[in-house]
Amino acid sequence: MKVLVIQPKIGMGDMVIYLPYIHAIAKKFQSPVSILVKENSRAKELLIDDDQINEIITLDRTNKSTGSHDGLSGFFKLVKELKEKKFDKVFIFSSSLRYFLISKLAGVKKISQYPLFRKKDNIVTSAKIFTENELGSIVSTQPFLSVNEMKIQSSKNQFSKELKHICLGISASGTTKRWSIQNYIKLCEKINEKIPSKFYIAAGKTDEDLNKEIFNSKIKNQCISFVNLKISETIPIIKNCNLYIGNDTGWLHISSALNIKCLALFMDSPVQAYGKYSKNIEVIVPEGETEETTTHDTLGTNKISFEKVFNKSIELLSS
């Protein structure tokens, strides 16, 4: 049976979070599946070594409705593209009527989808309940990113055994979700005084100003930047790290899926959705908040306790 999974969410983090359900579908049908995802999911780099993914089809839709799959013409263009691939079954991780009609017109006979027009809720709970109901079996929420063993070993050979190696997630989708870069610099300095460490700065081109601040600081000689690396190049590096420390960002979810211990700072995003699905994630929330109350519009970037972050970092590095 030829199976398609439609996952229209944006961003690396969401792509990683949906992996357990995509893998469960592939296992159920005993065959790799095709996925339809947006370009900024970075699926082509994240899943380069994943043998349970047969094909990655790019869903070209944008917030400005300028993508080749936007509008009425884009609707029928996508119908045509999927029809040519002759899928037998589709799983739609969305309640959008658009994807149901596209699948129907593309000739897919078996369509499984979230309830139409459903309001937003917990991303992990929705995916888990949907997949378990469709497959008739329990599905773990823990994601797993496949990495070629030769790549892991090649990266490991560059790591000093005398140091701890820390992936530092300074990036974020917005300033309200980002801890101060000066706090991160101070944290690196204090950690390095107690436990000699190397820091791998997980940030993209849009974070060059933050990157510059780190490389103008006292800790610069202990830092390596990901700015000029492809996502696929960073994955073997992260896999060899001892710890992730950082904001709720795509790098957190990648690290979690690589089975790395993670210390996640949640300031303005829902902990219950993005911080509790993985056994590898430990969470710090703003002072005066709880894991239940920390969500969108918490605006707690200035209320994250430096001492809590530092002490927990040392505890995790020592365990």
C-alpha atoms as a PDB file:
ATOM      1  CA  MET A   1       0.000   0.000   0.000  1.00  0.00           C
ATOM      2  CA  LYS A   2       1.307   3.440  -0.934  1.00  0.00           C
ATOM      3  CA  VAL A   3       0.817   5.788   2.031  1.00  0.00           C
ATOM      4  CA  LEU A   4       1.019   9.574   2.291  1.00  0.00           C
ATOM      5  CA  VAL A   5       1.199  11.610   5.507  1.00  0.00           C
ATOM      6  CA  ILE A   6       0.243  15.295   5.332  1.00  0.00           C
ATOM      7  CA  GLN A   7       1.851  17.393   8.085  1.00  0.00           C
ATOM      8  CA  PRO A   8       1.281  21.094   7.258  1.00  0.00           C
ATOM      9  CA  LYS A   9       2.776  22.692  10.393  1.00  0.00           C
ATOM     10  CA  ILE A  10       5.774  25.007  10.059  1.00  0.00           C
ATOM     11  CA  GLY A  11       9.169  24.718  11.719  1.00  0.00           C
ATOM     12  CA  MET A  12      11.711  22.086  12.710  1.00  0.00           C
ATOM     13  CA  GLY A  13      10.264  21.564  16.164  1.00  0.00           C
ATOM     14  CA  ASP A  14       6.842  20.551  14.916  1.00  0.00           C
ATOM     15  CA  MET A  15       8.415  18.261  12.317  1.00  0.00           C
ATOM     16  CA  VAL A  16      10.324  16.437  15.057  1.00  0.00           C
ATOM     17  CA  ILE A  17       7.271  16.217  17.321  1.00  0.00           C
ATOM     18  CA  TYR A  18       5.270  14.458  14.590  1.00  0.00           C
ATOM     19  CA  LEU A  19       7.962  11.836  13.934  1.00  0.00           C
ATOM     20  CA  PRO A  20       6.678   9.167  16.379  1.00  0.00           C
ATOM     21  CA  TYR A  21       3.336   9.130  14.576  1.00  0.00           C
ATOM     22  CA  ILE A  22       4.842   9.036  11.093  1.00  0.00           C
ATOM     23  CA  HIS A  23       7.107   6.185  12.170  1.00  0.00           C
ATOM     24  CA  ALA A  24       4.173   4.336  13.739  1.00  0.00           C
ATOM     25  CA  ILE A  25       2.261   4.573  10.451  1.00  0.00           C
ATOM     26  CA  ALA A  26       5.250   3.252   8.492  1.00  0.00           C
ATOM     27  CA  LYS A  27       5.591   0.371  10.958  1.00  0.00           C
ATOM     28  CA  LYS A  28       1.887  -0.483  10.722  1.00  0.00           C
ATOM     29  CA  PHE A  29       2.015  -0.731   6.932  1.00  0.00           C
ATOM     30  CA  GLN A  30       5.486  -2.323   6.982  1.00  0.00           C
ATOM     31  CA  SER A  31       6.726   0.101   4.361  1.00  0.00           C
ATOM     32  CA  PRO A  32       8.311   3.575   4.195  1.00  0.00           C
ATOM     33  CA  VAL A  33       5.774   6.385   3.746  1.00  0.00           C
ATOM     34  CA  SER A  34       5.769   9.613   1.767  1.00  0.00           C
ATOM     35  CA  ILE A  35       5.266  12.901   3.605  1.00  0.00           C
ATOM     36  CA  LEU A  36       3.881  16.236   2.422  1.00  0.00           C
ATOM     37  CA  VAL A  37       5.470  19.018   4.487  1.00  0.00           C
ATOM     38  CA  LYS A  38       6.443  22.662   4.205  1.00  0.00           C
ATOM     39  CA  GLU A  39       9.967  23.660   3.200  1.00  0.00           C
ATOM     40  CA  ASN A  40      10.637  25.370   6.534  1.00  0.00           C
ATOM     41  CA  SER A  41       9.986  22.104   8.369  1.00  0.00           C
ATOM     42  CA  ARG A  42      13.534  21.323   7.163  1.00  0.00           C
ATOM     43  CA  ALA A  43      12.421  17.719   6.701  1.00  0.00           C
ATOM     44  CA  LYS A  44      14.828  17.085   3.826  1.00  0.00           C
ATOM     45  CA  GLU A  45      17.765  17.749   6.139  1.00  0.00           C
ATOM     46  CA  LEU A  46      16.325  16.343   9.353  1.00  0.00           C
ATOM     47  CA  LEU A  47      15.266  13.060   7.776  1.00  0.00           C
ATOM     48  CA  ILE A  48      18.161  12.496   5.405  1.00  0.00           C
ATOM     49  CA  ASP A  49      19.083   9.216   7.160  1.00  0.00           C
ATOM     50  CA  ASP A  50      15.520   8.064   7.948  1.00  0.00           C
ATOM     51  CA  ASP A  51      14.759   4.804   6.141  1.00  0.00           C
ATOM     52  CA  GLN A  52      11.079   4.969   7.131  1.00  0.00           C
ATOM     53  CA  ILE A  53      10.515   7.980   4.876  1.00  0.00           C
ATOM     54  CA  ASN A  54      10.206   7.098   1.209  1.00  0.00           C
ATOM     55  CA  GLU A  55       9.722  10.562  -0.281  1.00  0.00           C
ATOM     56  CA  ILE A  56       9.488  14.134   0.961  1.00  0.00           C
ATOM     57  CA  ILE A  57       7.065  16.275  -1.058  1.00  0.00           C
ATOM     58  CA  THR A  58       7.284  20.022  -0.511  1.00  0.00           C
ATOM     59  CA  LEU A  59       4.041  21.799   0.354  1.00  0.00           C
ATOM     60  CA  ASP A  60       4.551  25.289  -1.035  1.00  0.00           C
ATOM     61  CA  ARG A  61       2.174  27.457   1.001  1.00  0.00           C
ATOM     62  CA  THR A  62       3.085  30.770   2.618  1.00  0.00           C
ATOM     63  CA  ASN A  63       1.581  33.243   5.090  1.00  0.00           C
ATOM     64  CA  LYS A  64       1.297  35.735   2.242  1.00  0.00           C
ATOM     65  CA  SER A  65      -0.497  33.234  -0.045  1.00  0.00           C
ATOM     66  CA  THR A  66       2.258  33.481  -2.656  1.00  0.00           C
ATOM     67  CA  GLY A  67       3.223  29.793  -2.730  1.00  0.00           C
ATOM     68  CA  SER A  68       2.638  27.559  -5.751  1.00  0.00           C
ATOM     69  CA  HIS A  69       0.077  25.547  -3.740  1.00  0.00           C
ATOM     70  CA  ASP A  70      -1.845  28.618  -2.496  1.00  0.00           C
ATOM     71  CA  GLY A  71      -5.157  29.784  -3.889  1.00  0.00           C
ATOM     72  CA  LEU A  72      -7.449  27.954  -6.287  1.00  0.00           C
ATOM     73  CA  SER A  73      -4.769  27.349  -8.903  1.00  0.00           C
ATOM     74  CA  GLY A  74      -2.426  25.999  -6.219  1.00  0.00           C
ATOM     75  CA  PHE A  75      -5.205  23.746  -4.947  1.00  0.00           C
ATOM     76  CA  PHE A  76      -5.573  22.047  -8.341  1.00  0.00           C
ATOM     77  CA  LYS A  77      -1.808  21.986  -8.903  1.00  0.00           C
ATOM     78  CA  LEU A  78      -1.386  19.957  -5.708  1.00  0.00           C
ATOM     79  CA  VAL A  79      -4.293  17.706  -6.674  1.00  0.00           C
ATOM     80  CA  LYS A  80      -2.557  16.959  -9.974  1.00  0.00           C
ATOM     81  CA  GLU A  81       0.824  16.290  -8.328  1.00  0.00           C
ATOM     82  CA  LEU A  82      -0.619  13.858  -5.787  1.00  0.00           C
ATOM     83  CA  LYS A  83      -2.862  12.144  -8.327  1.00  0.00           C
ATOM     84  CA  GLU A  84       0.178  11.271 -10.423  1.00  0.00           C
ATOM     85  CA  LYS A  85       1.735   9.499  -7.418  1.00  0.00           C
ATOM     86  CA  LYS A  86      -1.315   7.225  -6.980  1.00  0.00           C
ATOM     87  CA  PHE A  87      -1.516   7.040  -3.205  1.00  0.00           C
ATOM     88  CA  ASP A  88      -3.810   4.408  -1.678  1.00  0.00           C
ATOM     89  CA  LYS A  89      -4.067   5.905   1.804  1.00  0.00           C
ATOM     90  CA  VAL A  90      -3.527   9.320   3.393  1.00  0.00           C
ATOM     91  CA  PHE A  91      -3.216  10.439   7.002  1.00  0.00           C
ATOM     92  CA  ILE A  92      -3.939  14.161   7.404  1.00  0.00           C
ATOM     93  CA  PHE A  93      -2.603  15.767  10.605  1.00  0.00           C
ATOM     94  CA  SER A  94      -4.889  18.758  10.146  1.00  0.00           C
ATOM     95  CA  SER A  95      -8.596  19.541  10.453  1.00  0.00           C
ATOM     96  CA  SER A  96      -8.576  21.573   7.231  1.00  0.00           C
ATOM     97  CA  LEU A  97     -11.262  20.805   4.651  1.00  0.00           C
ATOM     98  CA  ARG A  98      -8.777  21.833   1.944  1.00  0.00           C
ATOM     99  CA  TYR A  99      -6.539  18.800   2.471  1.00  0.00           C
ATOM    100  CA  PHE A 100      -9.527  16.447   2.580  1.00  0.00           C
ATOM    101  CA  LEU A 101     -10.800  17.742  -0.768  1.00  0.00           C
ATOM    102  CA  ILE A 102      -7.317  17.650  -2.311  1.00  0.00           C
ATOM    103  CA  SER A 103      -6.896  14.020  -1.242  1.00  0.00           C
ATOM    104  CA  LYS A 104     -10.361  13.125  -2.506  1.00  0.00           C
ATOM    105  CA  LEU A 105      -9.823  14.730  -5.897  1.00  0.00           C
ATOM    106  CA  ALA A 106      -6.355  13.131  -6.125  1.00  0.00           C
ATOM    107  CA  GLY A 107      -8.075   9.755  -6.073  1.00  0.00           C
ATOM    108  CA  VAL A 108      -6.951   8.595  -2.628  1.00  0.00           C
ATOM    109  CA  LYS A 109      -9.529   5.989  -1.617  1.00  0.00           C
ATOM    110  CA  LYS A 110      -8.755   5.799   2.113  1.00  0.00           C
ATOM    111  CA  ILE A 111      -8.582   9.119   3.944  1.00  0.00           C
ATOM    112  CA  SER A 112      -7.935   9.477   7.683  1.00  0.00           C
ATOM    113  CA  GLN A 113      -7.999  12.981   9.128  1.00  0.00           C
ATOM    114  CA  TYR A 114      -8.456  15.060  12.280  1.00  0.00           C
ATOM    115  CA  PRO A 115     -12.125  16.060  12.835  1.00  0.00           C
ATOM    116  CA  LEU A 116     -12.941  18.885  10.412  1.00  0.00           C
ATOM    117  CA  PHE A 117     -12.923  22.481  11.686  1.00  0.00           C
ATOM    118  CA  ARG A 118     -11.656  21.485  15.127  1.00  0.00           C
ATOM    119  CA  LYS A 119     -10.250  24.275  17.275  1.00  0.00           C
ATOM    120  CA  LYS A 120      -6.558  24.307  18.174  1.00  0.00           C
ATOM    121  CA  ASP A 121      -5.479  22.174  21.098  1.00  0.00           C
ATOM    122  CA  ASN A 122      -2.387  20.371  22.430  1.00  0.00           C
ATOM    123  CA  ILE A 123      -0.326  19.398  19.365  1.00  0.00           C
ATOM    124  CA  VAL A 124       1.043  16.221  20.960  1.00  0.00           C
ATOM    125  CA  THR A 125      -2.261  15.026  22.442  1.00  0.00           C
ATOM    126  CA  SER A 126      -4.076  15.544  19.136  1.00  0.00           C
ATOM    127  CA  ALA A 127      -1.494  13.615  17.124  1.00  0.00           C
ATOM    128  CA  LYS A 128      -1.279  10.798  19.658  1.00  0.00           C
ATOM    129  CA  ILE A 129      -5.041  10.249  19.972  1.00  0.00           C
ATOM    130  CA  PHE A 130      -5.547  10.443  16.200  1.00  0.00           C
ATOM    131  CA  THR A 131      -2.756   7.988  15.394  1.00  0.00           C
ATOM    132  CA  GLU A 132      -3.696   5.506  18.117  1.00  0.00           C
ATOM    133  CA  ASN A 133      -7.339   5.520  17.049  1.00  0.00           C
ATOM    134  CA  GLU A 134      -6.379   4.937  13.423  1.00  0.00           C
ATOM    135  CA  LEU A 135      -3.765   2.243  14.058  1.00  0.00           C
ATOM    136  CA  GLY A 136      -5.384   0.551  17.039  1.00  0.00           C
ATOM    137  CA  SER A 137      -2.201   0.550  19.100  1.00  0.00           C
ATOM    138  CA  ILE A 138      -0.392   2.695  21.679  1.00  0.00           C
ATOM    139  CA  VAL A 139       2.148   5.149  20.242  1.00  0.00           C
ATOM    140  CA  SER A 140       4.951   6.711  22.308  1.00  0.00           C
ATOM    141  CA  THR A 141       5.314  10.482  22.124  1.00  0.00           C
ATOM    142  CA  GLN A 142       9.125  10.190  22.190  1.00  0.00           C
ATOM    143  CA  PRO A 143      10.601  11.151  18.789  1.00  0.00           C
ATOM    144  CA  PHE A 144      13.663   9.508  17.276  1.00  0.00           C
ATOM    145  CA  LEU A 145      15.948  11.079  14.689  1.00  0.00           C
ATOM    146  CA  SER A 146      17.982   8.608  12.649  1.00  0.00           C
ATOM    147  CA  VAL A 147      21.649   9.432  12.125  1.00  0.00           C
ATOM    148  CA  ASN A 148      24.177   7.488  10.091  1.00  0.00           C
ATOM    149  CA  GLU A 149      26.669   5.846  12.479  1.00  0.00           C
ATOM    150  CA  MET A 150      29.657   6.857  10.364  1.00  0.00           C
ATOM    151  CA  LYS A 151      28.607  10.508  10.645  1.00  0.00           C
ATOM    152  CA  ILE A 152      28.287  10.181  14.415  1.00  0.00           C
ATOM    153  CA  GLN A 153      31.726   8.618  14.765  1.00  0.00           C
ATOM    154  CA  SER A 154      33.345  11.135  12.430  1.00  0.00           C
ATOM    155  CA  SER A 155      31.970  13.971  14.559  1.00  0.00           C
ATOM    156  CA  LYS A 156      32.912  12.223  17.796  1.00  0.00           C
ATOM    157  CA  ASN A 157      36.527  12.007  16.651  1.00  0.00           C
ATOM    158  CA  GLN A 158      36.657  15.824  16.737  1.00  0.00           C
ATOM    159  CA  PHE A 159      35.467  16.005  20.343  1.00  0.00           C
ATOM    160  CA  SER A 160      37.913  16.391  23.229  1.00  0.00           C
ATOM    161  CA  LYS A 161      37.408  13.775  25.933  1.00  0.00           C
ATOM    162  CA  GLU A 162      38.651  16.289  28.492  1.00  0.00           C
ATOM    163  CA  LEU A 163      35.629  18.536  28.053  1.00  0.00           C
ATOM    164  CA  LYS A 164      31.874  18.419  28.378  1.00  0.00           C
ATOM    165  CA  HIS A 165      30.049  19.365  25.191  1.00  0.00           C
ATOM    166  CA  ILE A 166      26.951  21.550  25.350  1.00  0.00           C
ATOM    167  CA  CYS A 167      24.538  22.543  22.598  1.00  0.00           C
ATOM    168  CA  LEU A 168      23.381  26.075  23.416  1.00  0.00           C
ATOM    169  CA  GLY A 169      19.989  26.971  21.899  1.00  0.00           C
ATOM    170  CA  ILE A 170      20.079  30.768  21.848  1.00  0.00           C
ATOM    171  CA  SER A 171      17.678  31.044  18.908  1.00  0.00           C
ATOM    172  CA  ALA A 172      13.880  31.358  19.117  1.00  0.00           C
ATOM    173  CA  SER A 173      10.893  32.167  16.921  1.00  0.00           C
ATOM    174  CA  GLY A 174      10.404  35.498  18.705  1.00  0.00           C
ATOM    175  CA  THR A 175      12.103  37.779  21.233  1.00  0.00           C
ATOM    176  CA  THR A 176       9.573  36.915  23.965  1.00  0.00           C
ATOM    177  CA  LYS A 177      10.689  33.276  23.783  1.00  0.00           C
ATOM    178  CA  ARG A 178      14.389  34.108  24.084  1.00  0.00           C
ATOM    179  CA  TRP A 179      16.461  34.360  27.270  1.00  0.00           C
ATOM    180  CA  SER A 180      18.904  37.272  27.257  1.00  0.00           C
ATOM    181  CA  ILE A 181      22.109  36.573  25.337  1.00  0.00           C
ATOM    182  CA  GLN A 182      24.040  38.136  28.227  1.00  0.00           C
ATOM    183  CA  ASN A 183      22.554  35.511  30.514  1.00  0.00           C
ATOM    184  CA  TYR A 184      23.778  32.787  28.165  1.00  0.00           C
ATOM    185  CA  ILE A 185      27.264  34.279  28.046  1.00  0.00           C
ATOM    186  CA  LYS A 186      27.388  34.493  31.844  1.00  0.00           C
ATOM    187  CA  LEU A 187      26.060  30.924  32.082  1.00  0.00           C
ATOM    188  CA  CYS A 188      28.797  29.604  29.773  1.00  0.00           C
ATOM    189  CA  GLU A 189      31.482  31.407  31.761  1.00  0.00           C
ATOM    190  CA  LYS A 190      30.242  30.013  35.091  1.00  0.00           C
ATOM    191  CA  ILE A 191      29.794  26.480  33.773  1.00  0.00           C
ATOM    192  CA  ASN A 192      33.272  26.528  32.240  1.00  0.00           C
ATOM    193  CA  GLU A 193      34.795  27.641  35.559  1.00  0.00           C
ATOM    194  CA  LYS A 194      33.254  24.649  37.308  1.00  0.00           C
ATOM    195  CA  ILE A 195      33.279  22.050  34.498  1.00  0.00           C
ATOM    196  CA  PRO A 196      35.540  22.730  31.473  1.00  0.00           C
ATOM    197  CA  SER A 197      33.219  22.706  28.475  1.00  0.00           C
ATOM    198  CA  LYS A 198      32.820  23.380  24.773  1.00  0.00           C
ATOM    199  CA  PHE A 199      29.689  25.209  23.615  1.00  0.00           C
ATOM    200  CA  TYR A 200      28.008  24.667  20.252  1.00  0.00           C
ATOM    201  CA  ILE A 201      25.949  27.735  19.412  1.00  0.00           C
ATOM    202  CA  ALA A 202      22.683  26.613  17.806  1.00  0.00           C
ATOM    203  CA  ALA A 203      21.520  29.625  15.832  1.00  0.00           C
ATOM    204  CA  GLY A 204      20.767  30.549  12.246  1.00  0.00           C
ATOM    205  CA  LYS A 205      21.502  33.432   9.888  1.00  0.00           C
ATOM    206  CA  THR A 206      18.813  35.572  11.519  1.00  0.00           C
ATOM    207  CA  ASP A 207      20.659  35.304  14.840  1.00  0.00           C
ATOM    208  CA  GLU A 208      24.002  36.685  13.678  1.00  0.00           C
ATOM    209  CA  ASP A 209      23.780  39.623  16.108  1.00  0.00           C
ATOM    210  CA  LEU A 210      23.449  37.201  19.037  1.00  0.00           C
ATOM    211  CA  ASN A 211      26.242  35.095  17.631  1.00  0.00           C
ATOM    212  CA  LYS A 212      28.519  38.139  17.425  1.00  0.00           C
ATOM    213  CA  GLU A 213      27.920  38.978  21.085  1.00  0.00           C
ATOM    214  CA  ILE A 214      29.047  35.507  22.104  1.00  0.00           C
ATOM    215  CA  PHE A 215      32.146  35.678  19.940  1.00  0.00           C
ATOM    216  CA  ASN A 216      33.029  39.073  21.373  1.00  0.00           C
ATOM    217  CA  SER A 217      32.859  37.698  24.906  1.00  0.00           C
ATOM    218  CA  LYS A 218      35.420  36.037  27.197  1.00  0.00           C
ATOM    219  CA  ILE A 219      34.033  32.594  26.401  1.00  0.00           C
ATOM    220  CA  LYS A 220      34.522  32.900  22.617  1.00  0.00           C
ATOM    221  CA  ASN A 221      37.430  30.427  22.459  1.00  0.00           C
ATOM    222  CA  GLN A 222      35.208  27.725  23.940  1.00  0.00           C
ATOM    223  CA  CYS A 223      32.480  28.210  21.336  1.00  0.00           C
ATOM    224  CA  ILE A 224      31.690  26.835  17.887  1.00  0.00           C
ATOM    225  CA  SER A 225      28.869  28.357  15.823  1.00  0.00           C
ATOM    226  CA  PHE A 226      26.261  26.533  13.712  1.00  0.00           C
ATOM    227  CA  VAL A 227      25.515  29.695  11.701  1.00  0.00           C
ATOM    228  CA  ASN A 228      27.232  28.525   8.522  1.00  0.00           C
ATOM    229  CA  LEU A 229      26.336  24.837   8.833  1.00  0.00           C
ATOM    230  CA  LYS A 230      23.426  22.973   7.284  1.00  0.00           C
ATOM    231  CA  ILE A 231      20.965  21.384   9.694  1.00  0.00           C
ATOM    232  CA  SER A 232      22.088  17.968   8.474  1.00  0.00           C
ATOM    233  CA  GLU A 233      25.684  18.875   9.397  1.00  0.00           C
ATOM    234  CA  THR A 234      24.746  19.898  12.927  1.00  0.00           C
ATOM    235  CA  ILE A 235      22.856  16.705  13.775  1.00  0.00           C
ATOM    236  CA  PRO A 236      25.923  14.430  14.274  1.00  0.00           C
ATOM    237  CA  ILE A 237      27.497  17.174  16.391  1.00  0.00           C
ATOM    238  CA  ILE A 238      24.450  17.481  18.649  1.00  0.00           C
ATOM    239  CA  LYS A 239      24.256  13.694  18.895  1.00  0.00           C
ATOM    240  CA  ASN A 240      27.678  13.711  20.576  1.00  0.00           C
ATOM    241  CA  CYS A 241      26.835  16.487  23.055  1.00  0.00           C
ATOM    242  CA  ASN A 242      26.304  15.853  26.759  1.00  0.00           C
ATOM    243  CA  LEU A 243      23.541  18.411  27.187  1.00  0.00           C
ATOM    244  CA  TYR A 244      21.260  20.913  25.455  1.00  0.00           C
ATOM    245  CA  ILE A 245      20.556  24.160  27.265  1.00  0.00           C
ATOM    246  CA  GLY A 246      18.329  26.715  25.632  1.00  0.00           C
ATOM    247  CA  ASN A 247      15.043  28.234  24.620  1.00  0.00           C
ATOM    248  CA  ASP A 248      11.977  26.394  23.356  1.00  0.00           C
ATOM    249  CA  THR A 249      13.140  26.237  19.764  1.00  0.00           C
ATOM    250  CA  GLY A 250      13.662  23.697  17.001  1.00  0.00           C
ATOM    251  CA  TRP A 251      17.125  22.873  18.351  1.00  0.00           C
ATOM    252  CA  LEU A 252      15.535  21.724  21.628  1.00  0.00           C
ATOM    253  CA  HIS A 253      13.321  19.224  19.844  1.00  0.00           C
ATOM    254  CA  ILE A 254      16.148  17.998  17.621  1.00  0.00           C
ATOM    255  CA  SER A 255      18.304  17.395  20.714  1.00  0.00           C
ATOM    256  CA  SER A 256      15.465  15.573  22.448  1.00  0.00           C
ATOM    257  CA  ALA A 257      14.991  13.306  19.415  1.00  0.00           C
ATOM    258  CA  LEU A 258      18.729  12.544  19.429  1.00  0.00           C
ATOM    259  CA  ASN A 259      18.368  11.250  23.002  1.00  0.00           C
ATOM    260  CA  ILE A 260      20.328  14.143  24.514  1.00  0.00           C
ATOM    261  CA  LYS A 261      19.508  15.473  27.982  1.00  0.00           C
ATOM    262  CA  CYS A 262      17.794  18.842  27.552  1.00  0.00           C
ATOM    263  CA  LEU A 263      17.285  21.798  29.856  1.00  0.00           C
ATOM    264  CA  ALA A 264      14.570  23.912  28.253  1.00  0.00           C
ATOM    265  CA  LEU A 265      13.722  27.478  29.258  1.00  0.00           C
ATOM    266  CA  PHE A 266      10.053  28.217  28.674  1.00  0.00           C
ATOM    267  CA  MET A 267       9.121  31.893  28.822  1.00  0.00           C
ATOM    268  CA  ASP A 268       6.261  32.442  26.408  1.00  0.00           C
ATOM    269  CA  SER A 269       5.118  29.105  24.980  1.00  0.00           C
ATOM    270  CA  PRO A 270       3.026  26.206  26.351  1.00  0.00           C
ATOM    271  CA  VAL A 271       5.042  23.782  28.456  1.00  0.00           C
ATOM    272  CA  GLN A 272       2.265  21.205  28.398  1.00  0.00           C
ATOM    273  CA  ALA A 273       2.445  21.012  24.603  1.00  0.00           C
ATOM    274  CA  TYR A 274       6.165  21.406  23.914  1.00  0.00           C
ATOM    275  CA  GLY A 275       7.954  20.473  27.112  1.00  0.00           C
ATOM    276  CA  LYS A 276       6.331  17.288  28.420  1.00  0.00           C
ATOM    277  CA  TYR A 277       6.249  14.873  25.483  1.00  0.00           C
ATOM    278  CA  SER A 278       9.856  13.669  25.861  1.00  0.00           C
ATOM    279  CA  LYS A 279      11.648  11.909  28.706  1.00  0.00           C
ATOM    280  CA  ASN A 280      14.766  13.871  27.740  1.00  0.00           C
ATOM    281  CA  ILE A 281      13.377  17.342  28.476  1.00  0.00           C
ATOM    282  CA  GLU A 282      13.578  19.099  31.842  1.00  0.00           C
ATOM    283  CA  VAL A 283      11.890  22.468  32.096  1.00  0.00           C
ATOM    284  CA  ILE A 284      12.509  25.769  33.857  1.00  0.00           C
ATOM    285  CA  VAL A 285       9.652  28.289  33.886  1.00  0.00           C
ATOM    286  CA  PRO A 286       9.474  31.949  34.983  1.00  0.00           C
ATOM    287  CA  GLU A 287       9.406  32.732  38.700  1.00  0.00           C
ATOM    288  CA  GLY A 288       5.807  32.808  39.909  1.00  0.00           C
ATOM    289  CA  GLU A 289       4.610  30.516  37.108  1.00  0.00           C
ATOM    290  CA  THR A 290       4.036  26.766  36.904  1.00  0.00           C
ATOM    291  CA  GLU A 291       4.314  24.318  34.030  1.00  0.00           C
ATOM    292  CA  GLU A 292       0.532  24.572  33.681  1.00  0.00           C
ATOM    293  CA  THR A 293       0.397  28.380  33.623  1.00  0.00           C
ATOM    294  CA  THR A 294       3.396  28.952  31.338  1.00  0.00           C
ATOM    295  CA  THR A 295       1.893  29.336  27.879  1.00  0.00           C
ATOM    296  CA  HIS A 296       1.505  31.899  25.090  1.00  0.00           C
ATOM    297  CA  ASP A 297       1.551  35.483  26.405  1.00  0.00           C
ATOM    298  CA  THR A 298       3.237  34.560  29.686  1.00  0.00           C
ATOM    299  CA  LEU A 299       6.003  37.027  28.746  1.00  0.00           C
ATOM    300  CA  GLY A 300       8.407  35.680  31.331  1.00  0.00           C
ATOM    301  CA  THR A 301      11.761  36.213  29.649  1.00  0.00           C
ATOM    302  CA  ASN A 302      13.014  38.396  32.525  1.00  0.00           C
ATOM    303  CA  LYS A 303      11.712  36.056  35.213  1.00  0.00           C
ATOM    304  CA  ILE A 304      13.868  32.995  34.508  1.00  0.00           C
ATOM    305  CA  SER A 305      16.113  32.424  37.524  1.00  0.00           C
ATOM    306  CA  PHE A 306      19.778  32.423  36.508  1.00  0.00           C
ATOM    307  CA  GLU A 307      20.715  30.395  39.591  1.00  0.00           C
ATOM    308  CA  LYS A 308      18.141  27.726  38.774  1.00  0.00           C
ATOM    309  CA  VAL A 309      19.459  27.400  35.232  1.00  0.00           C
ATOM    310  CA  PHE A 310      23.081  27.259  36.390  1.00  0.00           C
ATOM    311  CA  ASN A 311      22.483  24.771  39.210  1.00  0.00           C
ATOM    312  CA  LYS A 312      20.364  22.496  37.043  1.00  0.00           C
ATOM    313  CA  SER A 313      22.959  22.635  34.250  1.00  0.00           C
ATOM    314  CA  ILE A 314      25.709  21.498  36.625  1.00  0.00           C
ATOM    315  CA  GLU A 315      23.467  18.766  38.024  1.00  0.00           C
ATOM    316  CA  LEU A 316      22.702  17.382  34.556  1.00  0.00           C
ATOM    317  CA  LEU A 317      26.327  17.593  33.423  1.00  0.00           C
ATOM    318  CA  SER A 318      27.431  15.732  36.548  1.00  0.00           C
ATOM    319  CA  SER A 319      24.886  12.938  36.330  1.00  0.00           C
END
